[in-house]
Amino acid sequence: MIVADVTVGELRIHADLIDSLGLVDVPVVLTVQNSEITEIAGGNIATRLRDELWSLPDTCRKVIELGIGLSTMTPAGIIGIDESIAGTCHFGIGNDLGYGGTNDAPIHLDVVVQSPTIHLA
């Protein structure tokens, strides 16, 4: 389970902006099984994200990245800033071909978690 409680990044299909999303209104809970998002719950941003992801190919629901923030900044609702904040982590969803992976998806979306506890199964 991933609980994004800071920011959900911009949803772009290739270069086209579909939804700016941003700072979460209430935590966005992503249920993950075998690296795939199977459920999304939460407030308005969760609903918008779920509706968009389920209208896209299954490859768009794959969790493909984990990053740890190390910079001293304040959440701004801008993914390039928020995913770098010390004490946070972010998860990438969708395309990972640019990172040497094999998941070909028309999106790459990051979600940010403040003060994460990470359990590896």
PDB file of N, CA and C in Angstrom:
ATOM      1  N   MET A   1       0.844  -1.168   0.000  1.00  0.00           N
ATOM      2  CA  MET A   1       0.000   0.000   0.000  1.00  0.00           C
ATOM      3  C   MET A   1       0.895   1.239   0.000  1.00  0.00           C
ATOM      4  N   ILE A   2       0.522   2.210  -0.807  1.00  0.00           N
ATOM      5  CA  ILE A   2       1.213   3.498  -0.864  1.00  0.00           C
ATOM      6  C   ILE A   2       0.194   4.554  -0.455  1.00  0.00           C
ATOM      7  N   VAL A   3       0.564   5.403   0.504  1.00  0.00           N
ATOM      8  CA  VAL A   3      -0.321   6.490   0.926  1.00  0.00           C
ATOM      9  C   VAL A   3       0.368   7.800   0.556  1.00  0.00           C
ATOM     10  N   ALA A   4      -0.053   8.373  -0.555  1.00  0.00           N
ATOM     11  CA  ALA A   4       0.501   9.645  -1.023  1.00  0.00           C
ATOM     12  C   ALA A   4      -0.182  10.764  -0.244  1.00  0.00           C
ATOM     13  N   ASP A   5       0.595  11.422   0.639  1.00  0.00           N
ATOM     14  CA  ASP A   5       0.001  12.442   1.494  1.00  0.00           C
ATOM     15  C   ASP A   5       0.599  13.824   1.276  1.00  0.00           C
ATOM     16  N   VAL A   6       1.368  13.981   0.183  1.00  0.00           N
ATOM     17  CA  VAL A   6       1.928  15.289  -0.152  1.00  0.00           C
ATOM     18  C   VAL A   6       1.410  15.729  -1.517  1.00  0.00           C
ATOM     19  N   THR A   7       1.887  15.061  -2.562  1.00  0.00           N
ATOM     20  CA  THR A   7       1.597  15.498  -3.933  1.00  0.00           C
ATOM     21  C   THR A   7       1.404  14.298  -4.845  1.00  0.00           C
ATOM     22  N   VAL A   8       0.507  14.448  -5.812  1.00  0.00           N
ATOM     23  CA  VAL A   8       0.394  13.542  -6.948  1.00  0.00           C
ATOM     24  C   VAL A   8       0.772  14.383  -8.161  1.00  0.00           C
ATOM     25  N   GLY A   9       1.758  13.927  -8.907  1.00  0.00           N
ATOM     26  CA  GLY A   9       2.292  14.712 -10.016  1.00  0.00           C
ATOM     27  C   GLY A   9       1.307  14.923 -11.150  1.00  0.00           C
ATOM     28  N   GLU A  10       1.736  15.716 -12.108  1.00  0.00           N
ATOM     29  CA  GLU A  10       0.922  15.965 -13.294  1.00  0.00           C
ATOM     30  C   GLU A  10       0.709  14.677 -14.068  1.00  0.00           C
ATOM     31  N   LEU A  11      -0.508  14.476 -14.540  1.00  0.00           N
ATOM     32  CA  LEU A  11      -0.787  13.331 -15.399  1.00  0.00           C
ATOM     33  C   LEU A  11      -0.709  13.810 -16.839  1.00  0.00           C
ATOM     34  N   ARG A  12       0.313  13.323 -17.519  1.00  0.00           N
ATOM     35  CA  ARG A  12       0.513  13.655 -18.934  1.00  0.00           C
ATOM     36  C   ARG A  12       0.527  12.368 -19.731  1.00  0.00           C
ATOM     37  N   ILE A  13      -0.131  12.387 -20.868  1.00  0.00           N
ATOM     38  CA  ILE A  13      -0.024  11.293 -21.826  1.00  0.00           C
ATOM     39  C   ILE A  13       0.908  11.812 -22.906  1.00  0.00           C
ATOM     40  N   HIS A  14       2.080  11.186 -22.953  1.00  0.00           N
ATOM     41  CA  HIS A  14       3.199  11.696 -23.748  1.00  0.00           C
ATOM     42  C   HIS A  14       3.444  13.122 -23.257  1.00  0.00           C
ATOM     43  N   ALA A  15       3.298  14.146 -24.049  1.00  0.00           N
ATOM     44  CA  ALA A  15       3.539  15.514 -23.584  1.00  0.00           C
ATOM     45  C   ALA A  15       2.248  16.258 -23.239  1.00  0.00           C
ATOM     46  N   ASP A  16       1.097  15.667 -23.513  1.00  0.00           N
ATOM     47  CA  ASP A  16      -0.177  16.361 -23.327  1.00  0.00           C
ATOM     48  C   ASP A  16      -0.646  16.299 -21.876  1.00  0.00           C
ATOM     49  N   LEU A  17      -0.879  17.467 -21.267  1.00  0.00           N
ATOM     50  CA  LEU A  17      -1.364  17.544 -19.896  1.00  0.00           C
ATOM     51  C   LEU A  17      -2.830  17.118 -19.843  1.00  0.00           C
ATOM     52  N   ILE A  18      -3.119  16.086 -19.036  1.00  0.00           N
ATOM     53  CA  ILE A  18      -4.474  15.574 -18.862  1.00  0.00           C
ATOM     54  C   ILE A  18      -5.087  16.148 -17.586  1.00  0.00           C
ATOM     55  N   ASP A  19      -4.286  16.198 -16.493  1.00  0.00           N
ATOM     56  CA  ASP A  19      -4.765  16.723 -15.213  1.00  0.00           C
ATOM     57  C   ASP A  19      -3.550  17.144 -14.398  1.00  0.00           C
ATOM     58  N   SER A  20      -3.597  18.344 -13.820  1.00  0.00           N
ATOM     59  CA  SER A  20      -2.449  18.842 -13.062  1.00  0.00           C
ATOM     60  C   SER A  20      -2.343  18.237 -11.665  1.00  0.00           C
ATOM     61  N   LEU A  21      -3.425  17.652 -11.126  1.00  0.00           N
ATOM     62  CA  LEU A  21      -3.461  17.020  -9.813  1.00  0.00           C
ATOM     63  C   LEU A  21      -2.797  17.918  -8.781  1.00  0.00           C
ATOM     64  N   GLY A  22      -1.636  17.606  -8.191  1.00  0.00           N
ATOM     65  CA  GLY A  22      -0.954  18.519  -7.278  1.00  0.00           C
ATOM     66  C   GLY A  22      -1.054  18.098  -5.821  1.00  0.00           C
ATOM     67  N   LEU A  23      -1.031  19.113  -4.900  1.00  0.00           N
ATOM     68  CA  LEU A  23      -1.117  18.834  -3.468  1.00  0.00           C
ATOM     69  C   LEU A  23      -2.405  18.073  -3.199  1.00  0.00           C
ATOM     70  N   VAL A  24      -2.308  16.994  -2.415  1.00  0.00           N
ATOM     71  CA  VAL A  24      -3.495  16.170  -2.177  1.00  0.00           C
ATOM     72  C   VAL A  24      -4.448  16.859  -1.210  1.00  0.00           C
ATOM     73  N   ASP A  25      -5.750  16.647  -1.419  1.00  0.00           N
ATOM     74  CA  ASP A  25      -6.767  17.195  -0.528  1.00  0.00           C
ATOM     75  C   ASP A  25      -6.925  16.313   0.709  1.00  0.00           C
ATOM     76  N   VAL A  26      -6.895  15.018   0.511  1.00  0.00           N
ATOM     77  CA  VAL A  26      -6.812  14.010   1.577  1.00  0.00           C
ATOM     78  C   VAL A  26      -5.869  12.935   1.050  1.00  0.00           C
ATOM     79  N   PRO A  27      -5.247  12.141   1.925  1.00  0.00           N
ATOM     80  CA  PRO A  27      -4.300  11.136   1.432  1.00  0.00           C
ATOM     81  C   PRO A  27      -4.904  10.245   0.334  1.00  0.00           C
ATOM     82  N   VAL A  28      -4.081   9.965  -0.659  1.00  0.00           N
ATOM     83  CA  VAL A  28      -4.454   9.099  -1.772  1.00  0.00           C
ATOM     84  C   VAL A  28      -3.857   7.720  -1.479  1.00  0.00           C
ATOM     85  N   VAL A  29      -4.718   6.735  -1.297  1.00  0.00           N
ATOM     86  CA  VAL A  29      -4.289   5.390  -0.930  1.00  0.00           C
ATOM     87  C   VAL A  29      -4.278   4.511  -2.179  1.00  0.00           C
ATOM     88  N   LEU A  30      -3.087   4.031  -2.523  1.00  0.00           N
ATOM     89  CA  LEU A  30      -2.920   3.154  -3.674  1.00  0.00           C
ATOM     90  C   LEU A  30      -2.676   1.743  -3.156  1.00  0.00           C
ATOM     91  N   THR A  31      -3.568   0.836  -3.469  1.00  0.00           N
ATOM     92  CA  THR A  31      -3.370  -0.569  -3.124  1.00  0.00           C
ATOM     93  C   THR A  31      -2.580  -1.202  -4.257  1.00  0.00           C
ATOM     94  N   VAL A  32      -1.489  -1.876  -3.917  1.00  0.00           N
ATOM     95  CA  VAL A  32      -0.583  -2.427  -4.916  1.00  0.00           C
ATOM     96  C   VAL A  32      -0.419  -3.920  -4.679  1.00  0.00           C
ATOM     97  N   GLN A  33      -0.577  -4.707  -5.745  1.00  0.00           N
ATOM     98  CA  GLN A  33      -0.327  -6.145  -5.706  1.00  0.00           C
ATOM     99  C   GLN A  33       0.529  -6.497  -6.906  1.00  0.00           C
ATOM    100  N   ASN A  34       1.650  -7.191  -6.653  1.00  0.00           N
ATOM    101  CA  ASN A  34       2.564  -7.584  -7.727  1.00  0.00           C
ATOM    102  C   ASN A  34       2.958  -6.397  -8.600  1.00  0.00           C
ATOM    103  N   SER A  35       3.282  -5.285  -7.957  1.00  0.00           N
ATOM    104  CA  SER A  35       3.727  -4.042  -8.618  1.00  0.00           C
ATOM    105  C   SER A  35       2.634  -3.338  -9.413  1.00  0.00           C
ATOM    106  N   GLU A  36       1.392  -3.767  -9.317  1.00  0.00           N
ATOM    107  CA  GLU A  36       0.313  -3.115 -10.054  1.00  0.00           C
ATOM    108  C   GLU A  36      -0.698  -2.499  -9.090  1.00  0.00           C
ATOM    109  N   ILE A  37      -1.105  -1.272  -9.387  1.00  0.00           N
ATOM    110  CA  ILE A  37      -2.130  -0.604  -8.590  1.00  0.00           C
ATOM    111  C   ILE A  37      -3.461  -1.273  -8.895  1.00  0.00           C
ATOM    112  N   THR A  38      -4.121  -1.760  -7.841  1.00  0.00           N
ATOM    113  CA  THR A  38      -5.397  -2.455  -8.016  1.00  0.00           C
ATOM    114  C   THR A  38      -6.573  -1.642  -7.512  1.00  0.00           C
ATOM    115  N   GLU A  39      -6.315  -0.673  -6.635  1.00  0.00           N
ATOM    116  CA  GLU A  39      -7.370   0.195  -6.112  1.00  0.00           C
ATOM    117  C   GLU A  39      -6.771   1.551  -5.777  1.00  0.00           C
ATOM    118  N   ILE A  40      -7.614   2.589  -5.848  1.00  0.00           N
ATOM    119  CA  ILE A  40      -7.225   3.934  -5.429  1.00  0.00           C
ATOM    120  C   ILE A  40      -8.385   4.496  -4.618  1.00  0.00           C
ATOM    121  N   ALA A  41      -8.075   5.012  -3.425  1.00  0.00           N
ATOM    122  CA  ALA A  41      -9.109   5.600  -2.566  1.00  0.00           C
ATOM    123  C   ALA A  41      -8.602   6.922  -2.013  1.00  0.00           C
ATOM    124  N   GLY A  42      -9.529   7.755  -1.586  1.00  0.00           N
ATOM    125  CA  GLY A  42      -9.181   9.047  -1.009  1.00  0.00           C
ATOM    126  C   GLY A  42     -10.192  10.088  -1.426  1.00  0.00           C
ATOM    127  N   GLY A  43      -9.760  11.301  -1.549  1.00  0.00           N
ATOM    128  CA  GLY A  43     -10.643  12.421  -1.887  1.00  0.00           C
ATOM    129  C   GLY A  43     -10.749  12.674  -3.376  1.00  0.00           C
ATOM    130  N   ASN A  44     -10.890  13.942  -3.713  1.00  0.00           N
ATOM    131  CA  ASN A  44     -11.101  14.367  -5.093  1.00  0.00           C
ATOM    132  C   ASN A  44      -9.943  13.965  -6.012  1.00  0.00           C
ATOM    133  N   ILE A  45      -8.715  14.177  -5.558  1.00  0.00           N
ATOM    134  CA  ILE A  45      -7.566  13.826  -6.408  1.00  0.00           C
ATOM    135  C   ILE A  45      -7.527  12.327  -6.656  1.00  0.00           C
ATOM    136  N   ALA A  46      -7.834  11.526  -5.638  1.00  0.00           N
ATOM    137  CA  ALA A  46      -7.859  10.064  -5.808  1.00  0.00           C
ATOM    138  C   ALA A  46      -8.887   9.657  -6.857  1.00  0.00           C
ATOM    139  N   THR A  47     -10.049  10.265  -6.804  1.00  0.00           N
ATOM    140  CA  THR A  47     -11.110   9.945  -7.777  1.00  0.00           C
ATOM    141  C   THR A  47     -10.674  10.305  -9.184  1.00  0.00           C
ATOM    142  N   ARG A  48     -10.103  11.490  -9.349  1.00  0.00           N
ATOM    143  CA  ARG A  48      -9.646  11.915 -10.676  1.00  0.00           C
ATOM    144  C   ARG A  48      -8.551  10.992 -11.196  1.00  0.00           C
ATOM    145  N   LEU A  49      -7.592  10.648 -10.307  1.00  0.00           N
ATOM    146  CA  LEU A  49      -6.503   9.765 -10.710  1.00  0.00           C
ATOM    147  C   LEU A  49      -7.032   8.389 -11.097  1.00  0.00           C
ATOM    148  N   ARG A  50      -7.906   7.824 -10.294  1.00  0.00           N
ATOM    149  CA  ARG A  50      -8.476   6.495 -10.577  1.00  0.00           C
ATOM    150  C   ARG A  50      -9.211   6.508 -11.918  1.00  0.00           C
ATOM    151  N   ASP A  51     -10.048   7.505 -12.139  1.00  0.00           N
ATOM    152  CA  ASP A  51     -10.798   7.571 -13.403  1.00  0.00           C
ATOM    153  C   ASP A  51      -9.866   7.622 -14.609  1.00  0.00           C
ATOM    154  N   GLU A  52      -8.814   8.406 -14.502  1.00  0.00           N
ATOM    155  CA  GLU A  52      -7.877   8.521 -15.629  1.00  0.00           C
ATOM    156  C   GLU A  52      -7.057   7.246 -15.820  1.00  0.00           C
ATOM    157  N   LEU A  53      -6.498   6.701 -14.727  1.00  0.00           N
ATOM    158  CA  LEU A  53      -5.655   5.509 -14.871  1.00  0.00           C
ATOM    159  C   LEU A  53      -6.422   4.317 -15.412  1.00  0.00           C
ATOM    160  N   TRP A  54      -7.679   4.165 -15.013  1.00  0.00           N
ATOM    161  CA  TRP A  54      -8.457   3.023 -15.482  1.00  0.00           C
ATOM    162  C   TRP A  54      -8.974   3.222 -16.908  1.00  0.00           C
ATOM    163  N   SER A  55      -8.784   4.409 -17.471  1.00  0.00           N
ATOM    164  CA  SER A  55      -9.145   4.621 -18.878  1.00  0.00           C
ATOM    165  C   SER A  55      -7.941   4.388 -19.797  1.00  0.00           C
ATOM    166  N   LEU A  56      -6.776   4.121 -19.193  1.00  0.00           N
ATOM    167  CA  LEU A  56      -5.531   3.939 -19.938  1.00  0.00           C
ATOM    168  C   LEU A  56      -5.115   2.467 -19.923  1.00  0.00           C
ATOM    169  N   PRO A  57      -4.103   2.093 -20.726  1.00  0.00           N
ATOM    170  CA  PRO A  57      -3.618   0.705 -20.712  1.00  0.00           C
ATOM    171  C   PRO A  57      -3.143   0.272 -19.328  1.00  0.00           C
ATOM    172  N   ASP A  58      -3.184  -1.022 -19.060  1.00  0.00           N
ATOM    173  CA  ASP A  58      -2.764  -1.585 -17.773  1.00  0.00           C
ATOM    174  C   ASP A  58      -1.339  -1.185 -17.400  1.00  0.00           C
ATOM    175  N   THR A  59      -0.472  -0.987 -18.372  1.00  0.00           N
ATOM    176  CA  THR A  59       0.924  -0.622 -18.091  1.00  0.00           C
ATOM    177  C   THR A  59       1.025   0.702 -17.333  1.00  0.00           C
ATOM    178  N   CYS A  60      -0.020   1.511 -17.391  1.00  0.00           N
ATOM    179  CA  CYS A  60      -0.037   2.803 -16.696  1.00  0.00           C
ATOM    180  C   CYS A  60      -0.264   2.656 -15.199  1.00  0.00           C
ATOM    181  N   ARG A  61      -0.578   1.457 -14.736  1.00  0.00           N
ATOM    182  CA  ARG A  61      -0.816   1.219 -13.308  1.00  0.00           C
ATOM    183  C   ARG A  61       0.330   0.456 -12.651  1.00  0.00           C
ATOM    184  N   LYS A  62       1.453   0.318 -13.321  1.00  0.00           N
ATOM    185  CA  LYS A  62       2.618  -0.379 -12.764  1.00  0.00           C
ATOM    186  C   LYS A  62       3.466   0.591 -11.936  1.00  0.00           C
ATOM    187  N   VAL A  63       3.820   0.172 -10.723  1.00  0.00           N
ATOM    188  CA  VAL A  63       4.742   0.937  -9.882  1.00  0.00           C
ATOM    189  C   VAL A  63       6.151   0.524 -10.273  1.00  0.00           C
ATOM    190  N   ILE A  64       6.964   1.499 -10.701  1.00  0.00           N
ATOM    191  CA  ILE A  64       8.247   1.161 -11.316  1.00  0.00           C
ATOM    192  C   ILE A  64       9.446   1.864 -10.686  1.00  0.00           C
ATOM    193  N   GLU A  65       9.213   2.707  -9.675  1.00  0.00           N
ATOM    194  CA  GLU A  65      10.325   3.502  -9.152  1.00  0.00           C
ATOM    195  C   GLU A  65      10.089   3.843  -7.688  1.00  0.00           C
ATOM    196  N   LEU A  66      11.176   3.898  -6.923  1.00  0.00           N
ATOM    197  CA  LEU A  66      11.172   4.415  -5.556  1.00  0.00           C
ATOM    198  C   LEU A  66      12.343   5.366  -5.435  1.00  0.00           C
ATOM    199  N   GLY A  67      12.077   6.600  -5.006  1.00  0.00           N
ATOM    200  CA  GLY A  67      13.134   7.593  -4.809  1.00  0.00           C
ATOM    201  C   GLY A  67      13.028   8.196  -3.422  1.00  0.00           C
ATOM    202  N   ILE A  68      14.155   8.620  -2.872  1.00  0.00           N
ATOM    203  CA  ILE A  68      14.222   9.208  -1.541  1.00  0.00           C
ATOM    204  C   ILE A  68      14.623  10.679  -1.680  1.00  0.00           C
ATOM    205  N   GLY A  69      13.861  11.582  -1.034  1.00  0.00           N
ATOM    206  CA  GLY A  69      14.166  13.011  -1.069  1.00  0.00           C
ATOM    207  C   GLY A  69      15.252  13.397  -0.093  1.00  0.00           C
ATOM    208  N   LEU A  70      16.119  14.332  -0.493  1.00  0.00           N
ATOM    209  CA  LEU A  70      17.233  14.759   0.348  1.00  0.00           C
ATOM    210  C   LEU A  70      17.377  16.279   0.460  1.00  0.00           C
ATOM    211  N   SER A  71      16.514  17.058  -0.205  1.00  0.00           N
ATOM    212  CA  SER A  71      16.646  18.512  -0.243  1.00  0.00           C
ATOM    213  C   SER A  71      15.784  19.187   0.816  1.00  0.00           C
ATOM    214  N   THR A  72      16.223  20.348   1.264  1.00  0.00           N
ATOM    215  CA  THR A  72      15.452  21.104   2.253  1.00  0.00           C
ATOM    216  C   THR A  72      14.561  22.101   1.517  1.00  0.00           C
ATOM    217  N   MET A  73      13.319  21.710   1.311  1.00  0.00           N
ATOM    218  CA  MET A  73      12.331  22.548   0.636  1.00  0.00           C
ATOM    219  C   MET A  73      10.998  22.356   1.340  1.00  0.00           C
ATOM    220  N   THR A  74      10.002  23.092   0.889  1.00  0.00           N
ATOM    221  CA  THR A  74       8.645  23.001   1.423  1.00  0.00           C
ATOM    222  C   THR A  74       7.727  22.545   0.301  1.00  0.00           C
ATOM    223  N   PRO A  75       6.727  21.670   0.602  1.00  0.00           N
ATOM    224  CA  PRO A  75       5.809  21.234  -0.463  1.00  0.00           C
ATOM    225  C   PRO A  75       5.179  22.409  -1.207  1.00  0.00           C
ATOM    226  N   ALA A  76       5.214  22.321  -2.528  1.00  0.00           N
ATOM    227  CA  ALA A  76       4.709  23.390  -3.381  1.00  0.00           C
ATOM    228  C   ALA A  76       3.621  22.912  -4.330  1.00  0.00           C
ATOM    229  N   GLY A  77       3.371  21.587  -4.366  1.00  0.00           N
ATOM    230  CA  GLY A  77       2.423  21.060  -5.332  1.00  0.00           C
ATOM    231  C   GLY A  77       3.040  20.879  -6.706  1.00  0.00           C
ATOM    232  N   ILE A  78       4.333  21.083  -6.806  1.00  0.00           N
ATOM    233  CA  ILE A  78       5.082  20.905  -8.055  1.00  0.00           C
ATOM    234  C   ILE A  78       5.938  19.659  -7.876  1.00  0.00           C
ATOM    235  N   ILE A  79       5.699  18.642  -8.667  1.00  0.00           N
ATOM    236  CA  ILE A  79       6.310  17.332  -8.433  1.00  0.00           C
ATOM    237  C   ILE A  79       7.826  17.387  -8.445  1.00  0.00           C
ATOM    238  N   GLY A  80       8.436  18.172  -9.303  1.00  0.00           N
ATOM    239  CA  GLY A  80       9.893  18.252  -9.358  1.00  0.00           C
ATOM    240  C   GLY A  80      10.518  18.776  -8.080  1.00  0.00           C
ATOM    241  N   ILE A  81       9.777  19.560  -7.326  1.00  0.00           N
ATOM    242  CA  ILE A  81      10.222  20.038  -6.015  1.00  0.00           C
ATOM    243  C   ILE A  81       9.841  19.033  -4.943  1.00  0.00           C
ATOM    244  N   ASP A  82       8.574  18.675  -4.894  1.00  0.00           N
ATOM    245  CA  ASP A  82       8.053  17.877  -3.791  1.00  0.00           C
ATOM    246  C   ASP A  82       8.665  16.484  -3.695  1.00  0.00           C
ATOM    247  N   GLU A  83       9.046  15.887  -4.813  1.00  0.00           N
ATOM    248  CA  GLU A  83       9.633  14.548  -4.760  1.00  0.00           C
ATOM    249  C   GLU A  83      11.065  14.566  -4.244  1.00  0.00           C
ATOM    250  N   SER A  84      11.633  15.750  -4.064  1.00  0.00           N
ATOM    251  CA  SER A  84      13.018  15.888  -3.623  1.00  0.00           C
ATOM    252  C   SER A  84      13.156  16.295  -2.163  1.00  0.00           C
ATOM    253  N   ILE A  85      12.054  16.539  -1.463  1.00  0.00           N
ATOM    254  CA  ILE A  85      12.091  17.069  -0.102  1.00  0.00           C
ATOM    255  C   ILE A  85      12.619  16.019   0.879  1.00  0.00           C
ATOM    256  N   ALA A  86      13.546  16.441   1.730  1.00  0.00           N
ATOM    257  CA  ALA A  86      14.113  15.542   2.745  1.00  0.00           C
ATOM    258  C   ALA A  86      12.993  14.978   3.611  1.00  0.00           C
ATOM    259  N   GLY A  87      13.108  13.693   3.921  1.00  0.00           N
ATOM    260  CA  GLY A  87      12.105  13.030   4.753  1.00  0.00           C
ATOM    261  C   GLY A  87      10.935  12.472   3.971  1.00  0.00           C
ATOM    262  N   THR A  88      10.969  12.613   2.642  1.00  0.00           N
ATOM    263  CA  THR A  88       9.907  12.057   1.794  1.00  0.00           C
ATOM    264  C   THR A  88      10.486  10.948   0.923  1.00  0.00           C
ATOM    265  N   CYS A  89       9.567  10.216   0.314  1.00  0.00           N
ATOM    266  CA  CYS A  89       9.949   9.342  -0.786  1.00  0.00           C
ATOM    267  C   CYS A  89       8.899   9.527  -1.872  1.00  0.00           C
ATOM    268  N   HIS A  90       9.227   9.121  -3.059  1.00  0.00           N
ATOM    269  CA  HIS A  90       8.240   9.150  -4.134  1.00  0.00           C
ATOM    270  C   HIS A  90       8.267   7.820  -4.872  1.00  0.00           C
ATOM    271  N   PHE A  91       7.115   7.487  -5.406  1.00  0.00           N
ATOM    272  CA  PHE A  91       6.962   6.291  -6.222  1.00  0.00           C
ATOM    273  C   PHE A  91       6.607   6.735  -7.632  1.00  0.00           C
ATOM    274  N   GLY A  92       7.283   6.142  -8.615  1.00  0.00           N
ATOM    275  CA  GLY A  92       6.972   6.393 -10.008  1.00  0.00           C
ATOM    276  C   GLY A  92       6.044   5.310 -10.526  1.00  0.00           C
ATOM    277  N   ILE A  93       5.115   5.729 -11.365  1.00  0.00           N
ATOM    278  CA  ILE A  93       4.106   4.836 -11.936  1.00  0.00           C
ATOM    279  C   ILE A  93       4.144   4.985 -13.453  1.00  0.00           C
ATOM    280  N   GLY A  94       4.102   3.876 -14.162  1.00  0.00           N
ATOM    281  CA  GLY A  94       4.016   3.924 -15.627  1.00  0.00           C
ATOM    282  C   GLY A  94       5.319   3.598 -16.309  1.00  0.00           C
ATOM    283  N   ASN A  95       5.739   4.466 -17.210  1.00  0.00           N
ATOM    284  CA  ASN A  95       6.876   4.202 -18.086  1.00  0.00           C
ATOM    285  C   ASN A  95       8.200   4.235 -17.334  1.00  0.00           C
ATOM    286  N   ASP A  96       9.036   3.219 -17.560  1.00  0.00           N
ATOM    287  CA  ASP A  96      10.382   3.210 -16.986  1.00  0.00           C
ATOM    288  C   ASP A  96      11.450   2.902 -18.038  1.00  0.00           C
ATOM    289  N   LEU A  97      11.102   3.030 -19.306  1.00  0.00           N
ATOM    290  CA  LEU A  97      12.068   2.719 -20.368  1.00  0.00           C
ATOM    291  C   LEU A  97      13.305   3.606 -20.279  1.00  0.00           C
ATOM    292  N   GLY A  98      13.127   4.871 -19.887  1.00  0.00           N
ATOM    293  CA  GLY A  98      14.253   5.798 -19.766  1.00  0.00           C
ATOM    294  C   GLY A  98      15.180   5.472 -18.620  1.00  0.00           C
ATOM    295  N   TYR A  99      14.746   4.586 -17.730  1.00  0.00           N
ATOM    296  CA  TYR A  99      15.560   4.162 -16.583  1.00  0.00           C
ATOM    297  C   TYR A  99      16.116   2.758 -16.793  1.00  0.00           C
ATOM    298  N   GLY A 100      15.997   2.233 -17.999  1.00  0.00           N
ATOM    299  CA  GLY A 100      16.500   0.895 -18.285  1.00  0.00           C
ATOM    300  C   GLY A 100      15.506  -0.211 -18.001  1.00  0.00           C
ATOM    301  N   GLY A 101      14.252   0.151 -17.707  1.00  0.00           N
ATOM    302  CA  GLY A 101      13.217  -0.841 -17.433  1.00  0.00           C
ATOM    303  C   GLY A 101      12.557  -1.355 -18.705  1.00  0.00           C
ATOM    304  N   THR A 102      11.472  -2.078 -18.524  1.00  0.00           N
ATOM    305  CA  THR A 102      10.780  -2.703 -19.654  1.00  0.00           C
ATOM    306  C   THR A 102       9.302  -2.343 -19.729  1.00  0.00           C
ATOM    307  N   ASN A 103       8.811  -1.479 -18.827  1.00  0.00           N
ATOM    308  CA  ASN A 103       7.379  -1.142 -18.832  1.00  0.00           C
ATOM    309  C   ASN A 103       7.125   0.045 -19.760  1.00  0.00           C
ATOM    310  N   ASP A 104       6.538  -0.249 -20.903  1.00  0.00           N
ATOM    311  CA  ASP A 104       6.247   0.760 -21.920  1.00  0.00           C
ATOM    312  C   ASP A 104       4.835   1.280 -21.691  1.00  0.00           C
ATOM    313  N   ALA A 105       4.733   2.498 -21.190  1.00  0.00           N
ATOM    314  CA  ALA A 105       3.433   3.120 -20.924  1.00  0.00           C
ATOM    315  C   ALA A 105       3.471   4.560 -21.436  1.00  0.00           C
ATOM    316  N   PRO A 106       2.319   5.130 -21.795  1.00  0.00           N
ATOM    317  CA  PRO A 106       2.299   6.506 -22.298  1.00  0.00           C
ATOM    318  C   PRO A 106       2.404   7.559 -21.195  1.00  0.00           C
ATOM    319  N   ILE A 107       2.545   7.134 -19.921  1.00  0.00           N
ATOM    320  CA  ILE A 107       2.650   8.080 -18.810  1.00  0.00           C
ATOM    321  C   ILE A 107       3.831   7.721 -17.908  1.00  0.00           C
ATOM    322  N   HIS A 108       4.299   8.701 -17.164  1.00  0.00           N
ATOM    323  CA  HIS A 108       5.153   8.491 -15.989  1.00  0.00           C
ATOM    324  C   HIS A 108       4.649   9.500 -14.970  1.00  0.00           C
ATOM    325  N   LEU A 109       4.172   9.003 -13.844  1.00  0.00           N
ATOM    326  CA  LEU A 109       3.553   9.835 -12.821  1.00  0.00           C
ATOM    327  C   LEU A 109       4.211   9.515 -11.493  1.00  0.00           C
ATOM    328  N   ASP A 110       4.536  10.546 -10.710  1.00  0.00           N
ATOM    329  CA  ASP A 110       5.120  10.343  -9.392  1.00  0.00           C
ATOM    330  C   ASP A 110       4.127  10.762  -8.315  1.00  0.00           C
ATOM    331  N   VAL A 111       4.152  10.026  -7.188  1.00  0.00           N
ATOM    332  CA  VAL A 111       3.356  10.368  -6.009  1.00  0.00           C
ATOM    333  C   VAL A 111       4.310  10.465  -4.827  1.00  0.00           C
ATOM    334  N   VAL A 112       4.065  11.439  -3.923  1.00  0.00           N
ATOM    335  CA  VAL A 112       4.997  11.731  -2.841  1.00  0.00           C
ATOM    336  C   VAL A 112       4.390  11.381  -1.490  1.00  0.00           C
ATOM    337  N   VAL A 113       5.217  10.720  -0.666  1.00  0.00           N
ATOM    338  CA  VAL A 113       4.839  10.281   0.676  1.00  0.00           C
ATOM    339  C   VAL A 113       5.746  10.989   1.680  1.00  0.00           C
ATOM    340  N   GLN A 114       5.130  11.616   2.678  1.00  0.00           N
ATOM    341  CA  GLN A 114       5.900  12.263   3.737  1.00  0.00           C
ATOM    342  C   GLN A 114       6.152  11.279   4.875  1.00  0.00           C
ATOM    343  N   SER A 115       7.354  11.289   5.418  1.00  0.00           N
ATOM    344  CA  SER A 115       7.734  10.427   6.549  1.00  0.00           C
ATOM    345  C   SER A 115       7.370   8.962   6.301  1.00  0.00           C
ATOM    346  N   PRO A 116       7.871   8.361   5.222  1.00  0.00           N
ATOM    347  CA  PRO A 116       7.479   6.998   4.875  1.00  0.00           C
ATOM    348  C   PRO A 116       8.030   5.929   5.821  1.00  0.00           C
ATOM    349  N   THR A 117       7.282   4.868   5.925  1.00  0.00           N
ATOM    350  CA  THR A 117       7.757   3.617   6.510  1.00  0.00           C
ATOM    351  C   THR A 117       7.698   2.603   5.387  1.00  0.00           C
ATOM    352  N   ILE A 118       8.839   2.013   5.072  1.00  0.00           N
ATOM    353  CA  ILE A 118       8.908   1.132   3.910  1.00  0.00           C
ATOM    354  C   ILE A 118       9.113  -0.299   4.374  1.00  0.00           C
ATOM    355  N   HIS A 119       8.210  -1.181   3.931  1.00  0.00           N
ATOM    356  CA  HIS A 119       8.296  -2.617   4.218  1.00  0.00           C
ATOM    357  C   HIS A 119       8.496  -3.326   2.878  1.00  0.00           C
ATOM    358  N   LEU A 120       9.534  -4.104   2.768  1.00  0.00           N
ATOM    359  CA  LEU A 120       9.780  -4.877   1.553  1.00  0.00           C
ATOM    360  C   LEU A 120       9.242  -6.285   1.764  1.00  0.00           C
ATOM    361  N   ALA A 121       8.406  -6.704   0.830  1.00  0.00           N
ATOM    362  CA  ALA A 121       7.814  -8.041   0.944  1.00  0.00           C
ATOM    363  C   ALA A 121       8.483  -8.997  -0.007  1.00  0.00           C
TER     364      ALA A 121
END
